Amino acid sequence: MKIIPLSEGAFTVDQSKQFVPFSLTNDDIQQRPVGSLLVEIQPFVVVTSKDVLLIDAGLGFSNADGTLQIHQNLINNDISPSDITKVLMSHLHKDHAGGVSLNDKMLNQRFLSFPNATYYVQQEELSFALQKGLPSYIPGEIEILQHADNVHILEGDGIIDDYIRYAVTAAHSPWHQVFWIEENGITIFYGADDAPQLHQMKSRFVAKYDYDGKKCMELRQQWWQQGQQEKWTFLFYHDVKNPVWNF
């Protein structure tokens, strides 16, 4: 399997839930509001023998020419957005789901950003996100998931095409899910915001911003131990230095 991180850059985020670009070379986090977190925004492509998988969809920001950034990042890696066959959504917070759809201003209509892909979304997460709304969720960007033909609604844990496992953790958010992609004896694990950064895997860190911080911490310890034993490859969506970690 081939893994391609699609970095959208580093950002700080505080209680306002606004993602403000951050230069690792020029900016000082001490100059940002108290409590600001430094995070990378980094969807992943995983190319398997069956699929070109996109794991989460980034912030949904556009470049100066109006191109969706995640589309440009794919093109920079010689992948057309139309090549994506599956989009795996861990949850629908705006920094993970902003790129699921795009707005055509000429037609005044919103379309899914990856028209040839099947999107996999938890039903309860979608319902919760639309009900909860701002500032963590942007309903206007994800409402299309309710009715689009190429959206596959999930209910609980399961397996996709015999090689992608998913499990609802209810840790970072009430209906958050994680994924294992298993092929040819290799296991890629994506913990999304339950396991967002390498340093959190190595400590008993409990975050106040998690729905169930204690459960997040316990799951990270469990996955880290199992991953070492079974030689998993970890994908870290919010790590500014280590997007991929192999044992």
Protein backbone atom coordinates (compact mmCIF):
# COMPACT_ATOMS: atom_id res chain seq x y z
CA MET A 1 0.00 0.00 0.00
CA LYS A 2 1.10 3.54 -0.72
CA ILE A 3 0.46 6.37 1.76
CA ILE A 4 0.37 10.02 0.65
CA PRO A 5 -0.08 12.75 3.31
CA LEU A 6 -1.97 15.76 1.92
CA SER A 7 -0.78 18.55 4.20
CA GLU A 8 -2.89 21.69 4.22
CA GLY A 9 -0.44 23.42 6.56
CA ALA A 10 -0.07 24.18 10.25
CA PHE A 11 -2.67 26.14 12.19
CA THR A 12 -3.44 27.31 15.69
CA VAL A 13 -6.90 26.84 17.11
CA ASP A 14 -8.31 28.19 20.39
CA GLN A 15 -11.69 28.27 22.09
CA SER A 16 -13.14 30.20 19.16
CA LYS A 17 -12.68 27.06 17.00
CA GLN A 18 -11.11 29.23 14.29
CA PHE A 19 -8.15 27.72 12.42
CA VAL A 20 -5.51 30.40 11.92
CA PRO A 21 -2.52 29.64 9.62
CA PHE A 22 0.78 29.28 11.45
CA SER A 23 4.30 29.42 10.02
CA LEU A 24 6.59 26.99 11.81
CA THR A 25 9.58 29.18 10.89
CA ASN A 26 8.22 32.68 11.40
CA ASP A 27 5.39 32.59 13.94
CA ASP A 28 5.52 32.31 17.73
CA ILE A 29 2.73 30.35 19.39
CA GLN A 30 3.20 32.50 22.51
CA GLN A 31 1.78 35.37 20.47
CA ARG A 32 -1.45 33.45 19.86
CA PRO A 33 -4.39 33.49 22.33
CA VAL A 34 -3.90 31.61 25.60
CA GLY A 35 -4.73 27.95 25.22
CA SER A 36 -4.03 27.83 21.49
CA LEU A 37 -3.16 24.41 20.09
CA LEU A 38 -0.70 23.93 17.24
CA VAL A 39 -2.00 21.39 14.74
CA GLU A 40 -1.38 20.17 11.22
CA ILE A 41 -4.37 19.60 8.95
CA GLN A 42 -3.50 16.50 6.99
CA PRO A 43 -5.86 14.18 5.13
CA PHE A 44 -4.33 11.03 3.67
CA VAL A 45 -4.54 9.05 0.47
CA VAL A 46 -3.94 5.32 0.74
CA VAL A 47 -3.55 3.48 -2.56
CA THR A 48 -4.42 -0.21 -2.27
CA SER A 49 -4.85 -2.95 -4.83
CA LYS A 50 -8.59 -2.20 -4.85
CA ASP A 51 -8.95 1.52 -4.17
CA VAL A 52 -7.61 5.02 -4.04
CA LEU A 53 -8.81 5.89 -0.54
CA LEU A 54 -9.14 9.39 0.87
CA ILE A 55 -9.18 9.51 4.67
CA ASP A 56 -10.95 12.65 5.89
CA ALA A 57 -11.26 15.74 3.74
CA GLY A 58 -9.48 18.70 5.30
CA LEU A 59 -10.68 22.23 5.95
CA GLY A 60 -12.23 22.87 2.56
CA PHE A 61 -10.17 25.99 1.95
CA SER A 62 -9.54 27.12 -1.64
CA ASN A 63 -6.39 28.46 -3.25
CA ALA A 64 -6.11 31.95 -4.74
CA ASP A 65 -7.35 30.66 -8.10
CA GLY A 66 -10.44 29.12 -6.50
CA THR A 67 -9.22 25.52 -6.63
CA LEU A 68 -10.13 23.46 -3.60
CA GLN A 69 -6.84 22.94 -1.76
CA ILE A 70 -7.34 19.22 -1.28
CA HIS A 71 -7.93 18.91 -5.04
CA GLN A 72 -4.68 20.75 -5.76
CA ASN A 73 -2.80 18.59 -3.28
CA LEU A 74 -4.07 15.49 -5.06
CA ILE A 75 -3.13 16.89 -8.47
CA ASN A 76 0.35 17.69 -7.14
CA ASN A 77 0.66 13.98 -6.41
CA ASP A 78 -0.56 12.96 -9.89
CA ILE A 79 -4.00 11.95 -8.62
CA SER A 80 -7.17 13.37 -10.10
CA PRO A 81 -10.03 14.03 -7.67
CA SER A 82 -12.08 11.76 -9.92
CA ASP A 83 -9.64 8.90 -9.16
CA ILE A 84 -10.74 8.71 -5.50
CA THR A 85 -12.89 5.60 -5.06
CA LYS A 86 -13.73 5.79 -1.35
CA VAL A 87 -13.83 8.64 1.18
CA LEU A 88 -13.59 7.45 4.79
CA MET A 89 -14.89 10.02 7.27
CA SER A 90 -13.83 9.65 10.90
CA HIS A 91 -16.20 12.41 12.01
CA LEU A 92 -17.60 15.66 10.64
CA HIS A 93 -15.85 18.42 12.58
CA LYS A 94 -15.13 21.24 10.14
CA ASP A 95 -11.37 20.63 10.01
CA HIS A 96 -12.01 17.07 8.82
CA ALA A 97 -15.13 17.54 6.69
CA GLY A 98 -14.73 20.96 5.04
CA GLY A 99 -13.60 19.35 1.80
CA VAL A 100 -16.41 16.81 1.40
CA SER A 101 -18.32 19.19 -0.87
CA LEU A 102 -17.80 22.33 -2.93
CA ASN A 103 -20.05 25.19 -3.94
CA ASP A 104 -20.52 25.96 -7.62
CA LYS A 105 -21.24 29.69 -7.57
CA MET A 106 -22.30 29.72 -11.22
CA LEU A 107 -24.99 27.11 -10.60
CA ASN A 108 -25.60 28.19 -7.00
CA GLN A 109 -25.45 24.53 -6.01
CA ARG A 110 -23.25 22.36 -3.80
CA PHE A 111 -21.70 19.14 -5.11
CA LEU A 112 -19.65 16.37 -3.53
CA SER A 113 -15.96 17.05 -4.10
CA PHE A 114 -15.18 13.48 -5.17
CA PRO A 115 -17.95 12.52 -7.59
CA ASN A 116 -16.75 8.98 -8.35
CA ALA A 117 -16.16 8.02 -4.73
CA THR A 118 -18.37 6.32 -2.20
CA TYR A 119 -18.44 8.27 1.05
CA TYR A 120 -18.62 6.33 4.32
CA VAL A 121 -20.23 8.26 7.19
CA GLN A 122 -21.76 7.21 10.50
CA GLN A 123 -25.50 7.94 10.58
CA GLU A 124 -25.47 9.14 14.20
CA GLU A 125 -22.48 11.39 13.53
CA LEU A 126 -24.25 13.02 10.59
CA SER A 127 -27.44 13.54 12.57
CA PHE A 128 -25.52 14.95 15.54
CA ALA A 129 -23.44 17.28 13.36
CA LEU A 130 -26.48 18.75 11.62
CA GLN A 131 -28.24 19.25 14.94
CA LYS A 132 -25.21 20.66 16.79
CA GLY A 133 -23.98 23.01 14.07
CA LEU A 134 -21.49 25.82 14.59
CA PRO A 135 -18.80 26.37 15.64
CA SER A 136 -17.50 22.77 15.45
CA TYR A 137 -19.64 21.69 12.49
CA ILE A 138 -20.70 23.57 9.34
CA PRO A 139 -24.08 22.13 8.33
CA GLY A 140 -24.08 23.83 4.92
CA GLU A 141 -21.02 21.82 3.89
CA ILE A 142 -22.31 18.42 4.99
CA GLU A 143 -26.08 18.52 4.43
CA ILE A 144 -25.52 17.02 0.98
CA LEU A 145 -24.38 13.78 2.65
CA GLN A 146 -27.98 13.10 3.68
CA HIS A 147 -29.31 12.52 0.19
CA ALA A 148 -26.43 11.90 -2.24
CA ASP A 149 -26.56 8.52 -4.00
CA ASN A 150 -22.87 7.80 -3.45
CA VAL A 151 -22.96 8.17 0.34
CA HIS A 152 -22.99 4.92 2.31
CA ILE A 153 -24.46 5.39 5.76
CA LEU A 154 -22.85 3.27 8.50
CA GLU A 155 -24.42 2.14 11.75
CA GLY A 156 -21.93 0.98 14.36
CA ASP A 157 -18.85 -1.15 13.72
CA GLY A 158 -18.16 -3.17 10.59
CA ILE A 159 -16.02 -4.06 7.59
CA ILE A 160 -15.90 -2.50 4.12
CA ASP A 161 -14.96 -4.76 1.18
CA ASP A 162 -13.35 -7.33 3.47
CA TYR A 163 -10.25 -5.25 4.21
CA ILE A 164 -11.25 -1.95 5.86
CA ARG A 165 -12.43 -2.24 9.46
CA TYR A 166 -14.14 0.59 11.28
CA ALA A 167 -15.21 1.02 14.89
CA VAL A 168 -17.16 3.73 16.71
CA THR A 169 -15.20 4.89 19.75
CA ALA A 170 -17.31 7.77 21.11
CA ALA A 171 -14.11 9.25 22.49
CA HIS A 172 -13.10 12.52 20.81
CA SER A 173 -16.71 13.12 19.79
CA PRO A 174 -19.92 11.17 20.49
CA TRP A 175 -19.90 9.18 17.22
CA HIS A 176 -16.23 9.34 16.21
CA GLN A 177 -14.91 6.29 14.34
CA VAL A 178 -11.45 4.90 13.54
CA PHE A 179 -10.18 2.71 10.70
CA TRP A 180 -7.84 -0.20 10.07
CA ILE A 181 -6.80 -0.89 6.46
CA GLU A 182 -5.37 -4.40 6.13
CA GLU A 183 -3.76 -5.79 2.99
CA ASN A 184 -0.93 -8.23 2.29
CA GLY A 185 -0.05 -8.56 5.96
CA ILE A 186 0.20 -4.78 6.47
CA THR A 187 -2.06 -2.86 8.86
CA ILE A 188 -2.54 0.90 8.57
CA PHE A 189 -4.31 2.45 11.54
CA TYR A 190 -6.04 5.83 11.44
CA GLY A 191 -7.23 7.08 14.81
CA ALA A 192 -8.18 10.57 13.62
CA ASP A 193 -8.77 12.84 16.65
CA ASP A 194 -8.74 9.98 19.14
CA ALA A 195 -5.05 9.59 18.21
CA PRO A 196 -4.10 12.83 16.45
CA GLN A 197 -0.39 13.22 17.26
CA LEU A 198 2.57 10.96 17.97
CA HIS A 199 3.47 12.51 21.34
CA GLN A 200 -0.02 11.80 22.68
CA MET A 201 0.51 8.08 22.06
CA LYS A 202 3.50 8.05 24.39
CA SER A 203 1.97 9.79 27.42
CA ARG A 204 -1.09 9.62 29.65
CA PHE A 205 -2.49 12.80 28.15
CA VAL A 206 -6.14 13.71 28.79
CA ALA A 207 -7.49 16.57 26.65
CA LYS A 208 -10.27 18.79 27.93
CA TYR A 209 -11.54 19.33 24.38
CA ASP A 210 -12.41 15.63 23.91
CA TYR A 211 -15.92 14.33 24.52
CA ASP A 212 -14.40 11.60 26.73
CA GLY A 213 -10.77 12.50 27.34
CA LYS A 214 -10.10 9.58 29.67
CA LYS A 215 -11.39 7.11 27.09
CA CYS A 216 -9.22 8.74 24.41
CA MET A 217 -6.16 8.32 26.61
CA GLU A 218 -6.97 4.68 27.37
CA LEU A 219 -7.59 3.87 23.70
CA ARG A 220 -4.32 5.50 22.67
CA GLN A 221 -2.42 3.35 25.15
CA GLN A 222 -4.23 0.24 23.95
CA TRP A 223 -3.61 0.98 20.26
CA TRP A 224 0.02 1.97 20.82
CA GLN A 225 0.78 -1.30 22.61
CA GLN A 226 -1.05 -3.41 20.06
CA GLY A 227 0.48 -1.45 17.19
CA GLN A 228 3.99 -2.13 18.48
CA GLN A 229 3.27 -5.84 18.83
CA GLU A 230 1.61 -6.17 15.42
CA LYS A 231 3.78 -3.63 13.55
CA TRP A 232 1.04 -1.24 12.54
CA THR A 233 1.58 1.90 10.50
CA PHE A 234 -0.02 4.89 12.25
CA LEU A 235 -1.42 7.95 10.47
CA PHE A 236 -1.51 11.19 12.51
CA TYR A 237 -3.84 13.84 11.10
CA HIS A 238 -2.72 16.68 13.37
CA ASP A 239 1.01 16.00 13.81
CA VAL A 240 3.21 18.79 12.40
CA LYS A 241 6.31 16.57 12.19
CA ASN A 242 5.26 12.91 12.04
CA PRO A 243 2.30 12.25 9.75
CA VAL A 244 3.25 8.58 9.35
CA TRP A 245 4.85 6.34 11.98
CA ASN A 246 6.02 2.78 11.32
CA PHE A 247 7.07 0.04 13.73
